[in-house]
Amino acid sequence: HSGGTDINDPSAGRLVKTWTCTWDGTWVVVSNADLVTPIQLFTRAAVTTVAIAFDNNMQPVVAYRDAVGCFVWYFDTVASAFIHKQITGADSVQCAVDDLRAFNGAQSDVIVGYTKAGALYWRQQRDRYDIEYNAGAATGTLTRCGMNQGNRFQFEVDPKILP
């Protein structure tokens, strides 16, 4: 996912570096080409999928699935801490910023998309990921989401990969 120069540093925008997020067997970590050592975000067991996005303050938002279920890990401004919020009943989960262009920064949001019970849903950061929006029927696994070449936010569900 595109991001700024460093975590918590949005000064140059969020289109500066390409960041990757992985699970190393214990930690969920982020890195970019300039980092010698990946940044450890949190520990979790048995992570099977992980996705990263960055909010307007270059705080990481991680959508992941583990043995317990699907979650979003983000900085909750009410709690003033990073929290893990479970998305009950979700089969697959991804996250991305809806618009990374600088002129739209104040209106942009981190979107968490997921499949559940044969439908596609999404939640947004401005709602603290509490409100579930139904995007319609979807059979398969959500494999990615983000802005497409037509500047529209798009979800990709692979019907060949069943939850």
N, C-alpha and C. Protein backbone atom coordinates (compact mmCIF):
# COMPACT_ATOMS: atom_id res chain seq x y z
N HIS A 1 0.85 -1.17 0.00
CA HIS A 1 0.00 0.00 0.00
C HIS A 1 0.89 1.23 0.00
N SER A 2 0.46 2.29 -0.65
CA SER A 2 1.21 3.54 -0.65
C SER A 2 1.13 4.20 0.71
N GLY A 3 2.20 4.88 1.07
CA GLY A 3 2.23 5.59 2.34
C GLY A 3 3.28 6.67 2.33
N GLY A 4 3.43 7.33 3.46
CA GLY A 4 4.38 8.42 3.60
C GLY A 4 5.79 7.93 3.86
N THR A 5 6.63 8.87 4.30
CA THR A 5 8.03 8.55 4.52
C THR A 5 8.25 7.69 5.75
N ASP A 6 7.38 7.83 6.75
CA ASP A 6 7.54 7.04 7.97
C ASP A 6 6.20 6.97 8.70
N ILE A 7 6.08 6.02 9.59
CA ILE A 7 4.89 5.91 10.44
C ILE A 7 4.78 7.22 11.23
N ASN A 8 3.58 7.73 11.35
CA ASN A 8 3.29 8.98 12.07
C ASN A 8 3.89 10.22 11.41
N ASP A 9 4.28 10.13 10.14
CA ASP A 9 4.84 11.28 9.43
C ASP A 9 4.11 11.48 8.11
N PRO A 10 3.01 12.25 8.11
CA PRO A 10 2.27 12.49 6.88
C PRO A 10 2.75 13.73 6.12
N SER A 11 3.88 14.33 6.54
CA SER A 11 4.32 15.62 6.01
C SER A 11 4.51 15.63 4.49
N ALA A 12 4.92 14.53 3.90
CA ALA A 12 5.17 14.48 2.44
C ALA A 12 4.00 13.83 1.70
N GLY A 13 2.90 13.57 2.39
CA GLY A 13 1.77 12.90 1.76
C GLY A 13 1.85 11.40 1.94
N ARG A 14 0.90 10.70 1.28
CA ARG A 14 0.84 9.24 1.42
C ARG A 14 1.12 8.52 0.11
N LEU A 15 1.80 9.20 -0.81
CA LEU A 15 2.18 8.58 -2.07
C LEU A 15 3.70 8.56 -2.25
N VAL A 16 4.43 8.44 -1.15
CA VAL A 16 5.89 8.54 -1.17
C VAL A 16 6.56 7.18 -1.31
N LYS A 17 6.12 6.21 -0.49
CA LYS A 17 6.76 4.90 -0.47
C LYS A 17 5.71 3.80 -0.55
N THR A 18 6.16 2.65 -1.03
CA THR A 18 5.32 1.46 -1.02
C THR A 18 5.66 0.67 0.23
N TRP A 19 4.62 0.41 1.03
CA TRP A 19 4.76 -0.33 2.29
C TRP A 19 4.16 -1.71 2.12
N THR A 20 4.77 -2.68 2.79
CA THR A 20 4.22 -4.03 2.81
C THR A 20 3.96 -4.44 4.26
N CYS A 21 3.01 -5.33 4.41
CA CYS A 21 2.65 -5.83 5.73
C CYS A 21 2.65 -7.35 5.66
N THR A 22 3.30 -7.99 6.62
CA THR A 22 3.39 -9.44 6.65
C THR A 22 3.28 -9.93 8.10
N TRP A 23 3.11 -11.22 8.24
CA TRP A 23 3.13 -11.87 9.54
C TRP A 23 4.36 -12.76 9.55
N ASP A 24 5.22 -12.61 10.56
CA ASP A 24 6.48 -13.37 10.59
C ASP A 24 6.40 -14.65 11.44
N GLY A 25 5.19 -15.05 11.80
CA GLY A 25 5.01 -16.21 12.66
C GLY A 25 4.66 -15.83 14.08
N THR A 26 4.97 -14.58 14.44
CA THR A 26 4.63 -14.05 15.77
C THR A 26 4.08 -12.64 15.65
N TRP A 27 4.83 -11.79 14.95
CA TRP A 27 4.49 -10.37 14.83
C TRP A 27 3.86 -10.06 13.47
N VAL A 28 2.95 -9.09 13.47
CA VAL A 28 2.52 -8.44 12.22
C VAL A 28 3.47 -7.26 12.08
N VAL A 29 4.17 -7.20 10.94
CA VAL A 29 5.21 -6.19 10.72
C VAL A 29 4.95 -5.42 9.44
N VAL A 30 5.45 -4.17 9.38
CA VAL A 30 5.41 -3.38 8.16
C VAL A 30 6.84 -3.02 7.78
N SER A 31 7.03 -2.84 6.48
CA SER A 31 8.35 -2.45 6.00
C SER A 31 8.21 -1.72 4.68
N ASN A 32 9.29 -1.09 4.29
CA ASN A 32 9.41 -0.50 2.96
C ASN A 32 10.85 -0.71 2.52
N ALA A 33 11.17 -0.31 1.30
CA ALA A 33 12.50 -0.59 0.74
C ALA A 33 13.63 0.06 1.53
N ASP A 34 13.35 1.15 2.26
CA ASP A 34 14.40 1.86 2.99
C ASP A 34 14.66 1.31 4.39
N LEU A 35 13.76 0.50 4.90
CA LEU A 35 13.91 0.00 6.26
C LEU A 35 14.82 -1.23 6.29
N VAL A 36 15.81 -1.21 7.17
CA VAL A 36 16.68 -2.36 7.36
C VAL A 36 15.95 -3.42 8.17
N THR A 37 15.25 -2.97 9.21
CA THR A 37 14.50 -3.86 10.09
C THR A 37 13.02 -3.50 10.02
N PRO A 38 12.15 -4.46 9.77
CA PRO A 38 10.71 -4.18 9.74
C PRO A 38 10.22 -3.64 11.10
N ILE A 39 9.15 -2.88 11.07
CA ILE A 39 8.55 -2.32 12.28
C ILE A 39 7.50 -3.30 12.80
N GLN A 40 7.67 -3.72 14.04
CA GLN A 40 6.72 -4.64 14.66
C GLN A 40 5.51 -3.86 15.15
N LEU A 41 4.30 -4.28 14.69
CA LEU A 41 3.08 -3.60 15.08
C LEU A 41 2.39 -4.27 16.27
N PHE A 42 2.14 -5.58 16.16
CA PHE A 42 1.49 -6.31 17.25
C PHE A 42 1.72 -7.80 17.05
N THR A 43 1.54 -8.57 18.11
CA THR A 43 1.68 -10.02 18.03
C THR A 43 0.30 -10.65 17.87
N ARG A 44 0.30 -11.75 17.14
CA ARG A 44 -0.95 -12.49 16.92
C ARG A 44 -0.56 -13.89 16.47
N ALA A 45 -1.35 -14.88 16.84
CA ALA A 45 -1.08 -16.26 16.45
C ALA A 45 -1.90 -16.63 15.22
N ALA A 46 -1.33 -17.47 14.39
CA ALA A 46 -2.02 -18.11 13.26
C ALA A 46 -2.70 -17.13 12.30
N VAL A 47 -2.01 -16.06 11.92
CA VAL A 47 -2.54 -15.11 10.95
C VAL A 47 -2.48 -15.72 9.56
N THR A 48 -3.59 -15.68 8.83
CA THR A 48 -3.63 -16.26 7.48
C THR A 48 -3.66 -15.21 6.39
N THR A 49 -4.25 -14.05 6.64
CA THR A 49 -4.22 -12.94 5.67
C THR A 49 -3.99 -11.64 6.42
N VAL A 50 -3.35 -10.70 5.74
CA VAL A 50 -3.08 -9.40 6.35
C VAL A 50 -3.04 -8.34 5.25
N ALA A 51 -3.59 -7.15 5.55
CA ALA A 51 -3.57 -6.02 4.61
C ALA A 51 -3.29 -4.75 5.42
N ILE A 52 -2.66 -3.78 4.77
CA ILE A 52 -2.27 -2.53 5.45
C ILE A 52 -2.80 -1.33 4.69
N ALA A 53 -3.14 -0.30 5.43
CA ALA A 53 -3.45 1.03 4.88
C ALA A 53 -2.97 2.03 5.92
N PHE A 54 -2.91 3.30 5.54
CA PHE A 54 -2.48 4.34 6.47
C PHE A 54 -3.50 5.46 6.48
N ASP A 55 -3.86 5.92 7.69
CA ASP A 55 -4.81 7.02 7.79
C ASP A 55 -4.11 8.35 7.48
N ASN A 56 -4.82 9.45 7.62
CA ASN A 56 -4.26 10.77 7.29
C ASN A 56 -3.07 11.17 8.14
N ASN A 57 -2.90 10.55 9.30
CA ASN A 57 -1.77 10.82 10.17
C ASN A 57 -0.65 9.80 10.02
N MET A 58 -0.75 8.97 8.99
CA MET A 58 0.20 7.88 8.74
C MET A 58 0.23 6.89 9.90
N GLN A 59 -0.92 6.71 10.54
CA GLN A 59 -1.08 5.64 11.50
C GLN A 59 -1.48 4.39 10.72
N PRO A 60 -0.89 3.25 11.00
CA PRO A 60 -1.25 2.04 10.28
C PRO A 60 -2.64 1.53 10.67
N VAL A 61 -3.33 1.00 9.68
CA VAL A 61 -4.59 0.27 9.87
C VAL A 61 -4.36 -1.09 9.25
N VAL A 62 -4.58 -2.15 10.03
CA VAL A 62 -4.33 -3.50 9.55
C VAL A 62 -5.62 -4.30 9.60
N ALA A 63 -5.98 -4.89 8.48
CA ALA A 63 -7.09 -5.84 8.42
C ALA A 63 -6.46 -7.22 8.32
N TYR A 64 -6.93 -8.14 9.16
CA TYR A 64 -6.31 -9.47 9.16
C TYR A 64 -7.31 -10.55 9.56
N ARG A 65 -6.96 -11.76 9.19
CA ARG A 65 -7.72 -12.94 9.60
C ARG A 65 -6.78 -13.87 10.34
N ASP A 66 -7.24 -14.40 11.46
CA ASP A 66 -6.47 -15.40 12.20
C ASP A 66 -7.40 -16.55 12.56
N ALA A 67 -6.96 -17.42 13.46
CA ALA A 67 -7.76 -18.59 13.82
C ALA A 67 -9.07 -18.23 14.50
N VAL A 68 -9.14 -17.04 15.08
CA VAL A 68 -10.35 -16.59 15.78
C VAL A 68 -11.37 -16.00 14.82
N GLY A 69 -10.91 -15.25 13.80
CA GLY A 69 -11.81 -14.60 12.85
C GLY A 69 -11.13 -13.42 12.16
N CYS A 70 -11.94 -12.48 11.68
CA CYS A 70 -11.44 -11.30 10.97
C CYS A 70 -11.47 -10.09 11.90
N PHE A 71 -10.43 -9.26 11.78
CA PHE A 71 -10.27 -8.11 12.66
C PHE A 71 -9.77 -6.90 11.87
N VAL A 72 -9.95 -5.72 12.47
CA VAL A 72 -9.26 -4.51 12.03
C VAL A 72 -8.54 -3.96 13.26
N TRP A 73 -7.25 -3.63 13.09
CA TRP A 73 -6.43 -3.05 14.15
C TRP A 73 -6.14 -1.63 13.74
N TYR A 74 -6.49 -0.68 14.59
CA TYR A 74 -6.34 0.72 14.22
C TYR A 74 -6.23 1.57 15.47
N PHE A 75 -5.85 2.85 15.29
CA PHE A 75 -5.78 3.79 16.40
C PHE A 75 -7.16 4.37 16.62
N ASP A 76 -7.74 4.05 17.76
CA ASP A 76 -9.06 4.56 18.13
C ASP A 76 -8.87 5.86 18.89
N THR A 77 -9.35 6.96 18.31
CA THR A 77 -9.15 8.27 18.94
C THR A 77 -9.93 8.43 20.24
N VAL A 78 -11.02 7.70 20.41
CA VAL A 78 -11.77 7.76 21.66
C VAL A 78 -11.01 7.06 22.78
N ALA A 79 -10.47 5.89 22.49
CA ALA A 79 -9.69 5.13 23.48
C ALA A 79 -8.26 5.66 23.61
N SER A 80 -7.81 6.46 22.65
CA SER A 80 -6.42 6.95 22.57
C SER A 80 -5.43 5.80 22.60
N ALA A 81 -5.78 4.74 21.87
CA ALA A 81 -4.91 3.55 21.82
C ALA A 81 -5.24 2.74 20.58
N PHE A 82 -4.30 1.89 20.18
CA PHE A 82 -4.58 0.94 19.11
C PHE A 82 -5.44 -0.18 19.67
N ILE A 83 -6.46 -0.57 18.91
CA ILE A 83 -7.35 -1.64 19.36
C ILE A 83 -7.56 -2.65 18.24
N HIS A 84 -7.92 -3.86 18.62
CA HIS A 84 -8.32 -4.91 17.69
C HIS A 84 -9.85 -4.99 17.74
N LYS A 85 -10.50 -4.73 16.63
CA LYS A 85 -11.96 -4.80 16.58
C LYS A 85 -12.35 -6.00 15.71
N GLN A 86 -13.04 -6.95 16.28
CA GLN A 86 -13.45 -8.13 15.53
C GLN A 86 -14.64 -7.79 14.63
N ILE A 87 -14.61 -8.33 13.43
CA ILE A 87 -15.72 -8.20 12.49
C ILE A 87 -16.44 -9.55 12.52
N THR A 88 -17.41 -9.64 13.40
CA THR A 88 -18.10 -10.89 13.68
C THR A 88 -18.73 -11.48 12.42
N GLY A 89 -18.45 -12.76 12.19
CA GLY A 89 -19.03 -13.49 11.08
C GLY A 89 -18.34 -13.32 9.74
N ALA A 90 -17.32 -12.45 9.66
CA ALA A 90 -16.63 -12.21 8.38
C ALA A 90 -15.80 -13.42 7.97
N ASP A 91 -15.75 -13.65 6.64
CA ASP A 91 -14.98 -14.76 6.08
C ASP A 91 -13.62 -14.31 5.55
N SER A 92 -13.58 -13.12 4.97
CA SER A 92 -12.35 -12.57 4.40
C SER A 92 -12.38 -11.07 4.61
N VAL A 93 -11.20 -10.44 4.68
CA VAL A 93 -11.13 -9.01 4.99
C VAL A 93 -9.94 -8.38 4.29
N GLN A 94 -10.11 -7.13 3.86
CA GLN A 94 -9.05 -6.33 3.24
C GLN A 94 -9.25 -4.88 3.67
N CYS A 95 -8.24 -4.03 3.46
CA CYS A 95 -8.40 -2.60 3.74
C CYS A 95 -7.59 -1.78 2.75
N ALA A 96 -8.02 -0.53 2.56
CA ALA A 96 -7.31 0.40 1.68
C ALA A 96 -7.86 1.80 1.93
N VAL A 97 -7.09 2.79 1.54
CA VAL A 97 -7.55 4.18 1.58
C VAL A 97 -8.39 4.41 0.33
N ASP A 98 -9.52 5.09 0.50
CA ASP A 98 -10.41 5.28 -0.65
C ASP A 98 -9.86 6.28 -1.66
N ASP A 99 -9.07 7.26 -1.23
CA ASP A 99 -8.49 8.22 -2.17
C ASP A 99 -7.21 8.78 -1.58
N LEU A 100 -6.07 8.45 -2.17
CA LEU A 100 -4.76 8.89 -1.68
C LEU A 100 -4.31 10.22 -2.27
N ARG A 101 -5.06 10.76 -3.22
CA ARG A 101 -4.62 12.00 -3.86
C ARG A 101 -4.62 13.14 -2.84
N ALA A 102 -3.59 13.97 -2.87
CA ALA A 102 -3.37 15.02 -1.86
C ALA A 102 -4.55 15.99 -1.76
N PHE A 103 -5.14 16.38 -2.87
CA PHE A 103 -6.21 17.37 -2.82
C PHE A 103 -7.46 16.85 -2.11
N ASN A 104 -7.56 15.53 -1.95
CA ASN A 104 -8.73 14.94 -1.32
C ASN A 104 -8.42 14.40 0.07
N GLY A 105 -7.30 14.79 0.64
CA GLY A 105 -6.85 14.26 1.91
C GLY A 105 -7.83 14.40 3.05
N ALA A 106 -8.46 15.55 3.19
CA ALA A 106 -9.38 15.77 4.32
C ALA A 106 -10.63 14.91 4.21
N GLN A 107 -11.00 14.52 3.00
CA GLN A 107 -12.20 13.71 2.81
C GLN A 107 -11.91 12.22 2.70
N SER A 108 -10.64 11.84 2.62
CA SER A 108 -10.32 10.43 2.41
C SER A 108 -10.56 9.63 3.69
N ASP A 109 -10.70 8.33 3.51
CA ASP A 109 -11.02 7.45 4.62
C ASP A 109 -10.39 6.09 4.39
N VAL A 110 -10.08 5.39 5.45
CA VAL A 110 -9.65 4.01 5.33
C VAL A 110 -10.91 3.14 5.32
N ILE A 111 -11.01 2.31 4.30
CA ILE A 111 -12.16 1.42 4.12
C ILE A 111 -11.72 0.00 4.44
N VAL A 112 -12.53 -0.69 5.23
CA VAL A 112 -12.32 -2.11 5.51
C VAL A 112 -13.46 -2.85 4.83
N GLY A 113 -13.11 -3.70 3.86
CA GLY A 113 -14.11 -4.51 3.16
C GLY A 113 -14.02 -5.94 3.62
N TYR A 114 -15.16 -6.63 3.58
CA TYR A 114 -15.16 -8.04 4.01
C TYR A 114 -16.37 -8.76 3.43
N THR A 115 -16.25 -10.08 3.37
CA THR A 115 -17.36 -10.91 2.95
C THR A 115 -17.93 -11.61 4.18
N LYS A 116 -19.24 -11.81 4.12
CA LYS A 116 -19.92 -12.46 5.25
C LYS A 116 -21.26 -12.98 4.74
N ALA A 117 -21.51 -14.27 4.94
CA ALA A 117 -22.81 -14.88 4.64
C ALA A 117 -23.28 -14.58 3.21
N GLY A 118 -22.35 -14.69 2.24
CA GLY A 118 -22.71 -14.52 0.84
C GLY A 118 -22.91 -13.09 0.39
N ALA A 119 -22.40 -12.12 1.15
CA ALA A 119 -22.53 -10.71 0.78
C ALA A 119 -21.20 -9.99 1.03
N LEU A 120 -21.06 -8.84 0.38
CA LEU A 120 -19.89 -7.98 0.54
C LEU A 120 -20.31 -6.79 1.40
N TYR A 121 -19.50 -6.49 2.40
CA TYR A 121 -19.77 -5.37 3.30
C TYR A 121 -18.53 -4.49 3.40
N TRP A 122 -18.73 -3.27 3.88
CA TRP A 122 -17.60 -2.40 4.16
C TRP A 122 -17.90 -1.51 5.36
N ARG A 123 -16.83 -1.05 5.99
CA ARG A 123 -16.90 -0.11 7.11
C ARG A 123 -15.85 0.96 6.87
N GLN A 124 -16.03 2.12 7.50
CA GLN A 124 -15.07 3.21 7.28
C GLN A 124 -14.55 3.76 8.60
N GLN A 125 -13.36 4.34 8.54
CA GLN A 125 -12.69 4.83 9.73
C GLN A 125 -13.49 5.94 10.42
N ARG A 126 -14.11 6.84 9.67
CA ARG A 126 -14.82 7.96 10.30
C ARG A 126 -15.96 7.49 11.20
N ASP A 127 -16.42 6.24 11.02
CA ASP A 127 -17.45 5.65 11.89
C ASP A 127 -16.81 4.77 12.96
N ARG A 128 -15.51 4.82 13.09
CA ARG A 128 -14.76 3.94 14.00
C ARG A 128 -15.02 2.47 13.68
N TYR A 129 -15.31 2.20 12.43
CA TYR A 129 -15.57 0.84 11.93
C TYR A 129 -16.75 0.18 12.65
N ASP A 130 -17.69 0.97 13.15
CA ASP A 130 -18.85 0.44 13.86
C ASP A 130 -20.05 0.19 12.95
N ILE A 131 -20.18 0.94 11.86
CA ILE A 131 -21.36 0.83 11.00
C ILE A 131 -21.06 -0.06 9.81
N GLU A 132 -21.91 -1.06 9.60
CA GLU A 132 -21.75 -2.02 8.52
C GLU A 132 -22.61 -1.58 7.33
N TYR A 133 -21.95 -1.42 6.16
CA TYR A 133 -22.64 -1.05 4.93
C TYR A 133 -22.66 -2.26 4.00
N ASN A 134 -23.82 -2.60 3.47
CA ASN A 134 -23.97 -3.76 2.59
C ASN A 134 -23.75 -3.31 1.14
N ALA A 135 -22.80 -3.94 0.47
CA ALA A 135 -22.50 -3.61 -0.92
C ALA A 135 -23.15 -4.59 -1.90
N GLY A 136 -23.84 -5.61 -1.41
CA GLY A 136 -24.53 -6.55 -2.29
C GLY A 136 -24.01 -7.97 -2.17
N ALA A 137 -24.61 -8.84 -2.96
CA ALA A 137 -24.26 -10.26 -2.94
C ALA A 137 -22.84 -10.48 -3.45
N ALA A 138 -22.14 -11.41 -2.82
CA ALA A 138 -20.78 -11.76 -3.25
C ALA A 138 -20.45 -13.15 -2.74
N THR A 139 -20.10 -14.03 -3.66
CA THR A 139 -19.71 -15.38 -3.30
C THR A 139 -18.24 -15.54 -3.58
N GLY A 140 -17.48 -15.86 -2.56
CA GLY A 140 -16.04 -16.04 -2.72
C GLY A 140 -15.28 -15.29 -1.65
N THR A 141 -14.02 -15.03 -1.93
CA THR A 141 -13.12 -14.38 -0.98
C THR A 141 -12.73 -13.01 -1.50
N LEU A 142 -12.82 -12.01 -0.63
CA LEU A 142 -12.35 -10.67 -0.98
C LEU A 142 -10.82 -10.72 -1.03
N THR A 143 -10.26 -10.47 -2.20
CA THR A 143 -8.81 -10.59 -2.37
C THR A 143 -8.09 -9.24 -2.36
N ARG A 144 -8.80 -8.17 -2.70
CA ARG A 144 -8.20 -6.84 -2.63
C ARG A 144 -9.27 -5.77 -2.82
N CYS A 145 -8.90 -4.55 -2.44
CA CYS A 145 -9.78 -3.41 -2.65
C CYS A 145 -8.90 -2.17 -2.79
N GLY A 146 -9.46 -1.13 -3.38
CA GLY A 146 -8.73 0.11 -3.55
C GLY A 146 -9.26 0.90 -4.72
N MET A 147 -8.64 2.05 -4.97
CA MET A 147 -9.07 2.90 -6.07
C MET A 147 -8.61 2.30 -7.40
N ASN A 148 -9.54 2.23 -8.35
CA ASN A 148 -9.19 1.71 -9.67
C ASN A 148 -8.73 2.83 -10.58
N GLN A 149 -8.43 2.52 -11.85
CA GLN A 149 -7.92 3.51 -12.79
C GLN A 149 -8.95 4.56 -13.15
N GLY A 150 -10.23 4.27 -12.90
CA GLY A 150 -11.29 5.24 -13.14
C GLY A 150 -11.58 6.10 -11.92
N ASN A 151 -10.69 6.06 -10.94
CA ASN A 151 -10.81 6.82 -9.69
C ASN A 151 -12.08 6.48 -8.91
N ARG A 152 -12.43 5.20 -8.93
CA ARG A 152 -13.55 4.68 -8.15
C ARG A 152 -13.02 3.60 -7.21
N PHE A 153 -13.58 3.54 -6.02
CA PHE A 153 -13.17 2.50 -5.09
C PHE A 153 -13.81 1.19 -5.53
N GLN A 154 -13.02 0.13 -5.55
CA GLN A 154 -13.48 -1.14 -6.10
C GLN A 154 -13.05 -2.29 -5.18
N PHE A 155 -13.92 -3.30 -5.09
CA PHE A 155 -13.64 -4.52 -4.35
C PHE A 155 -13.46 -5.65 -5.36
N GLU A 156 -12.50 -6.53 -5.12
CA GLU A 156 -12.31 -7.69 -5.97
C GLU A 156 -12.58 -8.95 -5.15
N VAL A 157 -13.62 -9.69 -5.56
CA VAL A 157 -13.98 -10.95 -4.89
C VAL A 157 -13.69 -12.07 -5.86
N ASP A 158 -12.91 -13.04 -5.43
CA ASP A 158 -12.58 -14.19 -6.27
C ASP A 158 -13.56 -15.32 -5.96
N PRO A 159 -14.43 -15.65 -6.92
CA PRO A 159 -15.43 -16.71 -6.66
C PRO A 159 -14.82 -18.11 -6.59
N LYS A 160 -13.57 -18.25 -7.07
CA LYS A 160 -12.93 -19.57 -7.05
C LYS A 160 -12.36 -19.91 -5.67
N ILE A 161 -12.18 -18.89 -4.84
CA ILE A 161 -11.65 -19.11 -3.50
C ILE A 161 -12.81 -18.96 -2.52
N LEU A 162 -13.31 -20.07 -2.07
CA LEU A 162 -14.44 -20.04 -1.14
C LEU A 162 -13.93 -20.01 0.29
N PRO A 163 -14.63 -19.27 1.17
CA PRO A 163 -14.18 -19.16 2.57
C PRO A 163 -14.22 -20.50 3.28
